[in-house]
Amino acid sequence: MLGYKPEDLVVFKFADEGVAPSKMVLYANATKLKDPAYKDKLARFIAASNKGWDYAVEHQDEAVKIVLDNDTTGAQTEKHQSGC
């Protein structure tokens, strides 16, 4: 856990705060965001990520197949990935 002990962490549920996020949440380091190059790189990453999620929503069957084909653990199921 990167050197942190569970008692060092503050854990909260978004739903308890009145927020219902998607299952993917991104965090950024506020100090690093002061660097314009880092901020630009992060903005481009988020834009590309959103584009990928949009594609996955529009092509759900293909996205599910991609996830299942690349799951080396065998933990993913079609039911879980399709939300059925």
PDB file of N, CA and C in Angstrom:
ATOM      1  N   MET A   1       0.828  -1.191   0.000  1.00  0.00           N
ATOM      2  CA  MET A   1       0.000   0.000   0.000  1.00  0.00           C
ATOM      3  C   MET A   1       0.868   1.249   0.000  1.00  0.00           C
ATOM      4  N   LEU A   2       1.965   1.208  -0.711  1.00  0.00           N
ATOM      5  CA  LEU A   2       2.850   2.352  -0.897  1.00  0.00           C
ATOM      6  C   LEU A   2       3.352   2.955   0.408  1.00  0.00           C
ATOM      7  N   GLY A   3       3.490   2.155   1.436  1.00  0.00           N
ATOM      8  CA  GLY A   3       4.032   2.656   2.686  1.00  0.00           C
ATOM      9  C   GLY A   3       3.020   3.254   3.636  1.00  0.00           C
ATOM     10  N   TYR A   4       1.767   3.319   3.229  1.00  0.00           N
ATOM     11  CA  TYR A   4       0.737   3.869   4.106  1.00  0.00           C
ATOM     12  C   TYR A   4       0.076   2.746   4.888  1.00  0.00           C
ATOM     13  N   LYS A   5      -0.256   3.031   6.124  1.00  0.00           N
ATOM     14  CA  LYS A   5      -1.004   2.090   6.940  1.00  0.00           C
ATOM     15  C   LYS A   5      -2.485   2.454   6.815  1.00  0.00           C
ATOM     16  N   PRO A   6      -3.361   1.482   6.929  1.00  0.00           N
ATOM     17  CA  PRO A   6      -4.798   1.786   6.818  1.00  0.00           C
ATOM     18  C   PRO A   6      -5.245   2.916   7.741  1.00  0.00           C
ATOM     19  N   GLU A   7      -4.674   3.001   8.928  1.00  0.00           N
ATOM     20  CA  GLU A   7      -5.095   4.060   9.857  1.00  0.00           C
ATOM     21  C   GLU A   7      -4.599   5.446   9.430  1.00  0.00           C
ATOM     22  N   ASP A   8      -3.673   5.494   8.452  1.00  0.00           N
ATOM     23  CA  ASP A   8      -3.195   6.778   7.929  1.00  0.00           C
ATOM     24  C   ASP A   8      -4.119   7.342   6.848  1.00  0.00           C
ATOM     25  N   LEU A   9      -5.035   6.527   6.375  1.00  0.00           N
ATOM     26  CA  LEU A   9      -5.885   6.916   5.251  1.00  0.00           C
ATOM     27  C   LEU A   9      -7.238   7.441   5.708  1.00  0.00           C
ATOM     28  N   VAL A  10      -7.783   8.332   4.931  1.00  0.00           N
ATOM     29  CA  VAL A  10      -9.152   8.792   5.135  1.00  0.00           C
ATOM     30  C   VAL A  10      -9.979   8.174   4.013  1.00  0.00           C
ATOM     31  N   VAL A  11     -10.908   7.333   4.374  1.00  0.00           N
ATOM     32  CA  VAL A  11     -11.727   6.633   3.399  1.00  0.00           C
ATOM     33  C   VAL A  11     -13.147   7.153   3.485  1.00  0.00           C
ATOM     34  N   PHE A  12     -13.715   7.474   2.347  1.00  0.00           N
ATOM     35  CA  PHE A  12     -15.100   7.930   2.318  1.00  0.00           C
ATOM     36  C   PHE A  12     -15.776   7.371   1.083  1.00  0.00           C
ATOM     37  N   LYS A  13     -17.083   7.237   1.164  1.00  0.00           N
ATOM     38  CA  LYS A  13     -17.876   6.775   0.028  1.00  0.00           C
ATOM     39  C   LYS A  13     -18.485   8.000  -0.639  1.00  0.00           C
ATOM     40  N   PHE A  14     -18.324   8.075  -1.954  1.00  0.00           N
ATOM     41  CA  PHE A  14     -18.886   9.206  -2.676  1.00  0.00           C
ATOM     42  C   PHE A  14     -20.390   9.321  -2.448  1.00  0.00           C
ATOM     43  N   ALA A  15     -21.074   8.187  -2.411  1.00  0.00           N
ATOM     44  CA  ALA A  15     -22.527   8.200  -2.227  1.00  0.00           C
ATOM     45  C   ALA A  15     -22.919   8.851  -0.907  1.00  0.00           C
ATOM     46  N   ASP A  16     -22.088   8.686   0.132  1.00  0.00           N
ATOM     47  CA  ASP A  16     -22.370   9.320   1.418  1.00  0.00           C
ATOM     48  C   ASP A  16     -22.281  10.839   1.331  1.00  0.00           C
ATOM     49  N   GLU A  17     -21.581  11.324   0.306  1.00  0.00           N
ATOM     50  CA  GLU A  17     -21.417  12.764   0.104  1.00  0.00           C
ATOM     51  C   GLU A  17     -22.402  13.309  -0.922  1.00  0.00           C
ATOM     52  N   GLY A  18     -23.345  12.454  -1.351  1.00  0.00           N
ATOM     53  CA  GLY A  18     -24.347  12.888  -2.322  1.00  0.00           C
ATOM     54  C   GLY A  18     -23.859  12.872  -3.755  1.00  0.00           C
ATOM     55  N   VAL A  19     -22.782  12.129  -4.016  1.00  0.00           N
ATOM     56  CA  VAL A  19     -22.226  12.052  -5.361  1.00  0.00           C
ATOM     57  C   VAL A  19     -22.303  10.604  -5.822  1.00  0.00           C
ATOM     58  N   ALA A  20     -22.737  10.398  -7.049  1.00  0.00           N
ATOM     59  CA  ALA A  20     -22.804   9.051  -7.599  1.00  0.00           C
ATOM     60  C   ALA A  20     -21.877   8.978  -8.811  1.00  0.00           C
ATOM     61  N   PRO A  21     -20.584   8.777  -8.572  1.00  0.00           N
ATOM     62  CA  PRO A  21     -19.643   8.762  -9.694  1.00  0.00           C
ATOM     63  C   PRO A  21     -19.728   7.466 -10.492  1.00  0.00           C
ATOM     64  N   SER A  22     -19.152   7.507 -11.689  1.00  0.00           N
ATOM     65  CA  SER A  22     -18.996   6.263 -12.428  1.00  0.00           C
ATOM     66  C   SER A  22     -17.989   5.413 -11.657  1.00  0.00           C
ATOM     67  N   LYS A  23     -17.734   4.240 -12.141  1.00  0.00           N
ATOM     68  CA  LYS A  23     -16.819   3.359 -11.424  1.00  0.00           C
ATOM     69  C   LYS A  23     -15.365   3.774 -11.594  1.00  0.00           C
ATOM     70  N   MET A  24     -15.105   4.701 -12.484  1.00  0.00           N
ATOM     71  CA  MET A  24     -13.734   5.158 -12.677  1.00  0.00           C
ATOM     72  C   MET A  24     -13.594   6.564 -12.108  1.00  0.00           C
ATOM     73  N   VAL A  25     -12.652   6.732 -11.236  1.00  0.00           N
ATOM     74  CA  VAL A  25     -12.406   8.037 -10.630  1.00  0.00           C
ATOM     75  C   VAL A  25     -10.931   8.362 -10.806  1.00  0.00           C
ATOM     76  N   LEU A  26     -10.634   9.581 -11.201  1.00  0.00           N
ATOM     77  CA  LEU A  26      -9.252  10.020 -11.365  1.00  0.00           C
ATOM     78  C   LEU A  26      -8.915  11.038 -10.292  1.00  0.00           C
ATOM     79  N   TYR A  27      -7.693  10.985  -9.815  1.00  0.00           N
ATOM     80  CA  TYR A  27      -7.210  11.941  -8.830  1.00  0.00           C
ATOM     81  C   TYR A  27      -5.982  12.629  -9.411  1.00  0.00           C
ATOM     82  N   ALA A  28      -5.755  13.856  -9.000  1.00  0.00           N
ATOM     83  CA  ALA A  28      -4.568  14.587  -9.452  1.00  0.00           C
ATOM     84  C   ALA A  28      -3.882  15.219  -8.251  1.00  0.00           C
ATOM     85  N   ASN A  29      -2.586  15.376  -8.367  1.00  0.00           N
ATOM     86  CA  ASN A  29      -1.782  16.005  -7.340  1.00  0.00           C
ATOM     87  C   ASN A  29      -1.868  17.516  -7.527  1.00  0.00           C
ATOM     88  N   ALA A  30      -2.429  18.226  -6.560  1.00  0.00           N
ATOM     89  CA  ALA A  30      -2.645  19.675  -6.672  1.00  0.00           C
ATOM     90  C   ALA A  30      -1.341  20.433  -6.889  1.00  0.00           C
ATOM     91  N   THR A  31      -0.282  19.987  -6.267  1.00  0.00           N
ATOM     92  CA  THR A  31       1.010  20.660  -6.439  1.00  0.00           C
ATOM     93  C   THR A  31       1.507  20.524  -7.876  1.00  0.00           C
ATOM     94  N   LYS A  32       1.398  19.310  -8.425  1.00  0.00           N
ATOM     95  CA  LYS A  32       1.858  19.086  -9.796  1.00  0.00           C
ATOM     96  C   LYS A  32       1.002  19.832 -10.819  1.00  0.00           C
ATOM     97  N   LEU A  33      -0.257  20.101 -10.478  1.00  0.00           N
ATOM     98  CA  LEU A  33      -1.135  20.814 -11.409  1.00  0.00           C
ATOM     99  C   LEU A  33      -0.688  22.260 -11.630  1.00  0.00           C
ATOM    100  N   LYS A  34       0.211  22.754 -10.803  1.00  0.00           N
ATOM    101  CA  LYS A  34       0.746  24.101 -11.001  1.00  0.00           C
ATOM    102  C   LYS A  34       1.707  24.153 -12.190  1.00  0.00           C
ATOM    103  N   ASP A  35       2.206  22.990 -12.605  1.00  0.00           N
ATOM    104  CA  ASP A  35       3.104  22.897 -13.755  1.00  0.00           C
ATOM    105  C   ASP A  35       2.262  22.847 -15.033  1.00  0.00           C
ATOM    106  N   PRO A  36       2.351  23.864 -15.905  1.00  0.00           N
ATOM    107  CA  PRO A  36       1.523  23.910 -17.123  1.00  0.00           C
ATOM    108  C   PRO A  36       1.695  22.683 -18.022  1.00  0.00           C
ATOM    109  N   ALA A  37       2.907  22.133 -18.117  1.00  0.00           N
ATOM    110  CA  ALA A  37       3.133  20.956 -18.959  1.00  0.00           C
ATOM    111  C   ALA A  37       2.405  19.742 -18.389  1.00  0.00           C
ATOM    112  N   TYR A  38       2.476  19.571 -17.069  1.00  0.00           N
ATOM    113  CA  TYR A  38       1.781  18.464 -16.423  1.00  0.00           C
ATOM    114  C   TYR A  38       0.270  18.629 -16.581  1.00  0.00           C
ATOM    115  N   LYS A  39      -0.209  19.852 -16.368  1.00  0.00           N
ATOM    116  CA  LYS A  39      -1.643  20.132 -16.480  1.00  0.00           C
ATOM    117  C   LYS A  39      -2.135  19.837 -17.899  1.00  0.00           C
ATOM    118  N   ASP A  40      -1.350  20.219 -18.896  1.00  0.00           N
ATOM    119  CA  ASP A  40      -1.713  19.945 -20.287  1.00  0.00           C
ATOM    120  C   ASP A  40      -1.748  18.449 -20.565  1.00  0.00           C
ATOM    121  N   LYS A  41      -0.730  17.730 -20.077  1.00  0.00           N
ATOM    122  CA  LYS A  41      -0.670  16.275 -20.276  1.00  0.00           C
ATOM    123  C   LYS A  41      -1.877  15.602 -19.623  1.00  0.00           C
ATOM    124  N   LEU A  42      -2.222  16.021 -18.427  1.00  0.00           N
ATOM    125  CA  LEU A  42      -3.360  15.446 -17.719  1.00  0.00           C
ATOM    126  C   LEU A  42      -4.670  15.745 -18.451  1.00  0.00           C
ATOM    127  N   ALA A  43      -4.813  16.972 -18.944  1.00  0.00           N
ATOM    128  CA  ALA A  43      -6.029  17.349 -19.680  1.00  0.00           C
ATOM    129  C   ALA A  43      -6.174  16.499 -20.945  1.00  0.00           C
ATOM    130  N   ARG A  44      -5.055  16.267 -21.642  1.00  0.00           N
ATOM    131  CA  ARG A  44      -5.104  15.424 -22.842  1.00  0.00           C
ATOM    132  C   ARG A  44      -5.420  13.981 -22.495  1.00  0.00           C
ATOM    133  N   PHE A  45      -4.880  13.496 -21.377  1.00  0.00           N
ATOM    134  CA  PHE A  45      -5.185  12.134 -20.936  1.00  0.00           C
ATOM    135  C   PHE A  45      -6.676  11.986 -20.624  1.00  0.00           C
ATOM    136  N   ILE A  46      -7.236  12.958 -19.918  1.00  0.00           N
ATOM    137  CA  ILE A  46      -8.656  12.907 -19.567  1.00  0.00           C
ATOM    138  C   ILE A  46      -9.523  12.956 -20.825  1.00  0.00           C
ATOM    139  N   ALA A  47      -9.165  13.822 -21.779  1.00  0.00           N
ATOM    140  CA  ALA A  47      -9.928  13.908 -23.027  1.00  0.00           C
ATOM    141  C   ALA A  47      -9.891  12.571 -23.781  1.00  0.00           C
ATOM    142  N   ALA A  48      -8.720  11.958 -23.849  1.00  0.00           N
ATOM    143  CA  ALA A  48      -8.590  10.670 -24.528  1.00  0.00           C
ATOM    144  C   ALA A  48      -9.353   9.577 -23.783  1.00  0.00           C
ATOM    145  N   SER A  49      -9.285   9.603 -22.466  1.00  0.00           N
ATOM    146  CA  SER A  49     -10.006   8.623 -21.657  1.00  0.00           C
ATOM    147  C   SER A  49     -11.509   8.749 -21.868  1.00  0.00           C
ATOM    148  N   ASN A  50     -12.001   9.982 -21.863  1.00  0.00           N
ATOM    149  CA  ASN A  50     -13.433  10.200 -22.102  1.00  0.00           C
ATOM    150  C   ASN A  50     -13.846   9.720 -23.485  1.00  0.00           C
ATOM    151  N   LYS A  51     -12.994   9.942 -24.472  1.00  0.00           N
ATOM    152  CA  LYS A  51     -13.272   9.474 -25.826  1.00  0.00           C
ATOM    153  C   LYS A  51     -13.369   7.941 -25.844  1.00  0.00           C
ATOM    154  N   GLY A  52     -12.462   7.294 -25.113  1.00  0.00           N
ATOM    155  CA  GLY A  52     -12.495   5.838 -25.030  1.00  0.00           C
ATOM    156  C   GLY A  52     -13.749   5.327 -24.349  1.00  0.00           C
ATOM    157  N   TRP A  53     -14.159   5.986 -23.261  1.00  0.00           N
ATOM    158  CA  TRP A  53     -15.386   5.577 -22.573  1.00  0.00           C
ATOM    159  C   TRP A  53     -16.605   5.780 -23.473  1.00  0.00           C
ATOM    160  N   ASP A  54     -16.629   6.898 -24.215  1.00  0.00           N
ATOM    161  CA  ASP A  54     -17.741   7.133 -25.150  1.00  0.00           C
ATOM    162  C   ASP A  54     -17.814   6.010 -26.183  1.00  0.00           C
ATOM    163  N   TYR A  55     -16.656   5.606 -26.701  1.00  0.00           N
ATOM    164  CA  TYR A  55     -16.614   4.521 -27.680  1.00  0.00           C
ATOM    165  C   TYR A  55     -17.130   3.227 -27.048  1.00  0.00           C
ATOM    166  N   ALA A  56     -16.704   2.951 -25.829  1.00  0.00           N
ATOM    167  CA  ALA A  56     -17.124   1.722 -25.149  1.00  0.00           C
ATOM    168  C   ALA A  56     -18.634   1.694 -24.936  1.00  0.00           C
ATOM    169  N   VAL A  57     -19.209   2.845 -24.602  1.00  0.00           N
ATOM    170  CA  VAL A  57     -20.664   2.917 -24.414  1.00  0.00           C
ATOM    171  C   VAL A  57     -21.382   2.662 -25.734  1.00  0.00           C
ATOM    172  N   GLU A  58     -20.869   3.256 -26.804  1.00  0.00           N
ATOM    173  CA  GLU A  58     -21.493   3.115 -28.122  1.00  0.00           C
ATOM    174  C   GLU A  58     -21.278   1.724 -28.721  1.00  0.00           C
ATOM    175  N   HIS A  59     -20.264   1.012 -28.294  1.00  0.00           N
ATOM    176  CA  HIS A  59     -19.915  -0.308 -28.836  1.00  0.00           C
ATOM    177  C   HIS A  59     -19.732  -1.294 -27.678  1.00  0.00           C
ATOM    178  N   GLN A  60     -20.778  -1.434 -26.877  1.00  0.00           N
ATOM    179  CA  GLN A  60     -20.672  -2.213 -25.645  1.00  0.00           C
ATOM    180  C   GLN A  60     -20.251  -3.660 -25.881  1.00  0.00           C
ATOM    181  N   ASP A  61     -20.817  -4.310 -26.872  1.00  0.00           N
ATOM    182  CA  ASP A  61     -20.462  -5.717 -27.102  1.00  0.00           C
ATOM    183  C   ASP A  61     -18.970  -5.864 -27.406  1.00  0.00           C
ATOM    184  N   GLU A  62     -18.444  -4.952 -28.231  1.00  0.00           N
ATOM    185  CA  GLU A  62     -17.022  -4.986 -28.563  1.00  0.00           C
ATOM    186  C   GLU A  62     -16.164  -4.702 -27.318  1.00  0.00           C
ATOM    187  N   ALA A  63     -16.585  -3.728 -26.526  1.00  0.00           N
ATOM    188  CA  ALA A  63     -15.826  -3.372 -25.318  1.00  0.00           C
ATOM    189  C   ALA A  63     -15.789  -4.529 -24.326  1.00  0.00           C
ATOM    190  N   VAL A  64     -16.912  -5.197 -24.144  1.00  0.00           N
ATOM    191  CA  VAL A  64     -16.965  -6.351 -23.240  1.00  0.00           C
ATOM    192  C   VAL A  64     -16.019  -7.435 -23.735  1.00  0.00           C
ATOM    193  N   LYS A  65     -16.036  -7.697 -25.040  1.00  0.00           N
ATOM    194  CA  LYS A  65     -15.151  -8.724 -25.607  1.00  0.00           C
ATOM    195  C   LYS A  65     -13.686  -8.351 -25.388  1.00  0.00           C
ATOM    196  N   ILE A  66     -13.338  -7.082 -25.582  1.00  0.00           N
ATOM    197  CA  ILE A  66     -11.951  -6.645 -25.388  1.00  0.00           C
ATOM    198  C   ILE A  66     -11.513  -6.889 -23.940  1.00  0.00           C
ATOM    199  N   VAL A  67     -12.366  -6.530 -22.996  1.00  0.00           N
ATOM    200  CA  VAL A  67     -12.028  -6.728 -21.580  1.00  0.00           C
ATOM    201  C   VAL A  67     -11.852  -8.216 -21.280  1.00  0.00           C
ATOM    202  N   LEU A  68     -12.796  -9.028 -21.724  1.00  0.00           N
ATOM    203  CA  LEU A  68     -12.726 -10.466 -21.446  1.00  0.00           C
ATOM    204  C   LEU A  68     -11.513 -11.105 -22.106  1.00  0.00           C
ATOM    205  N   ASP A  69     -11.208 -10.690 -23.342  1.00  0.00           N
ATOM    206  CA  ASP A  69     -10.055 -11.239 -24.061  1.00  0.00           C
ATOM    207  C   ASP A  69      -8.731 -10.876 -23.386  1.00  0.00           C
ATOM    208  N   ASN A  70      -8.705  -9.789 -22.630  1.00  0.00           N
ATOM    209  CA  ASN A  70      -7.465  -9.315 -22.013  1.00  0.00           C
ATOM    210  C   ASN A  70      -7.408  -9.555 -20.513  1.00  0.00           C
ATOM    211  N   ASP A  71      -8.388 -10.250 -19.971  1.00  0.00           N
ATOM    212  CA  ASP A  71      -8.400 -10.553 -18.539  1.00  0.00           C
ATOM    213  C   ASP A  71      -7.564 -11.791 -18.275  1.00  0.00           C
ATOM    214  N   THR A  72      -6.349 -11.584 -17.813  1.00  0.00           N
ATOM    215  CA  THR A  72      -5.461 -12.719 -17.546  1.00  0.00           C
ATOM    216  C   THR A  72      -5.790 -13.417 -16.229  1.00  0.00           C
ATOM    217  N   THR A  73      -6.647 -12.795 -15.405  1.00  0.00           N
ATOM    218  CA  THR A  73      -6.989 -13.400 -14.116  1.00  0.00           C
ATOM    219  C   THR A  73      -8.178 -14.341 -14.223  1.00  0.00           C
ATOM    220  N   GLY A  74      -9.005 -14.143 -15.232  1.00  0.00           N
ATOM    221  CA  GLY A  74     -10.228 -14.941 -15.351  1.00  0.00           C
ATOM    222  C   GLY A  74     -11.323 -14.470 -14.416  1.00  0.00           C
ATOM    223  N   ALA A  75     -11.110 -13.322 -13.769  1.00  0.00           N
ATOM    224  CA  ALA A  75     -12.072 -12.835 -12.789  1.00  0.00           C
ATOM    225  C   ALA A  75     -13.272 -12.122 -13.422  1.00  0.00           C
ATOM    226  N   GLN A  76     -13.093 -11.599 -14.633  1.00  0.00           N
ATOM    227  CA  GLN A  76     -14.169 -10.843 -15.259  1.00  0.00           C
ATOM    228  C   GLN A  76     -15.170 -11.781 -15.928  1.00  0.00           C
ATOM    229  N   THR A  77     -16.414 -11.358 -15.929  1.00  0.00           N
ATOM    230  CA  THR A  77     -17.456 -12.128 -16.587  1.00  0.00           C
ATOM    231  C   THR A  77     -18.225 -11.206 -17.525  1.00  0.00           C
ATOM    232  N   GLU A  78     -18.859 -11.792 -18.508  1.00  0.00           N
ATOM    233  CA  GLU A  78     -19.667 -11.000 -19.435  1.00  0.00           C
ATOM    234  C   GLU A  78     -20.784 -10.294 -18.682  1.00  0.00           C
ATOM    235  N   LYS A  79     -21.388 -10.990 -17.732  1.00  0.00           N
ATOM    236  CA  LYS A  79     -22.476 -10.394 -16.949  1.00  0.00           C
ATOM    237  C   LYS A  79     -21.983  -9.160 -16.192  1.00  0.00           C
ATOM    238  N   HIS A  80     -20.828  -9.271 -15.547  1.00  0.00           N
ATOM    239  CA  HIS A  80     -20.280  -8.142 -14.790  1.00  0.00           C
ATOM    240  C   HIS A  80     -19.945  -6.972 -15.717  1.00  0.00           C
ATOM    241  N   GLN A  81     -19.306  -7.264 -16.821  1.00  0.00           N
ATOM    242  CA  GLN A  81     -18.867  -6.204 -17.727  1.00  0.00           C
ATOM    243  C   GLN A  81     -20.021  -5.542 -18.480  1.00  0.00           C
ATOM    244  N   SER A  82     -21.087  -6.272 -18.727  1.00  0.00           N
ATOM    245  CA  SER A  82     -22.211  -5.690 -19.467  1.00  0.00           C
ATOM    246  C   SER A  82     -23.255  -5.077 -18.538  1.00  0.00           C
ATOM    247  N   GLY A  83     -23.095  -5.301 -17.250  1.00  0.00           N
ATOM    248  CA  GLY A  83     -24.035  -4.721 -16.296  1.00  0.00           C
ATOM    249  C   GLY A  83     -25.375  -5.425 -16.273  1.00  0.00           C
ATOM    250  N   CYS A  84     -25.421  -6.610 -16.858  1.00  0.00           N
ATOM    251  CA  CYS A  84     -26.689  -7.372 -16.907  1.00  0.00           C
ATOM    252  C   CYS A  84     -26.859  -8.208 -15.663  1.00  0.00           C
TER     253      CYS A  84
END
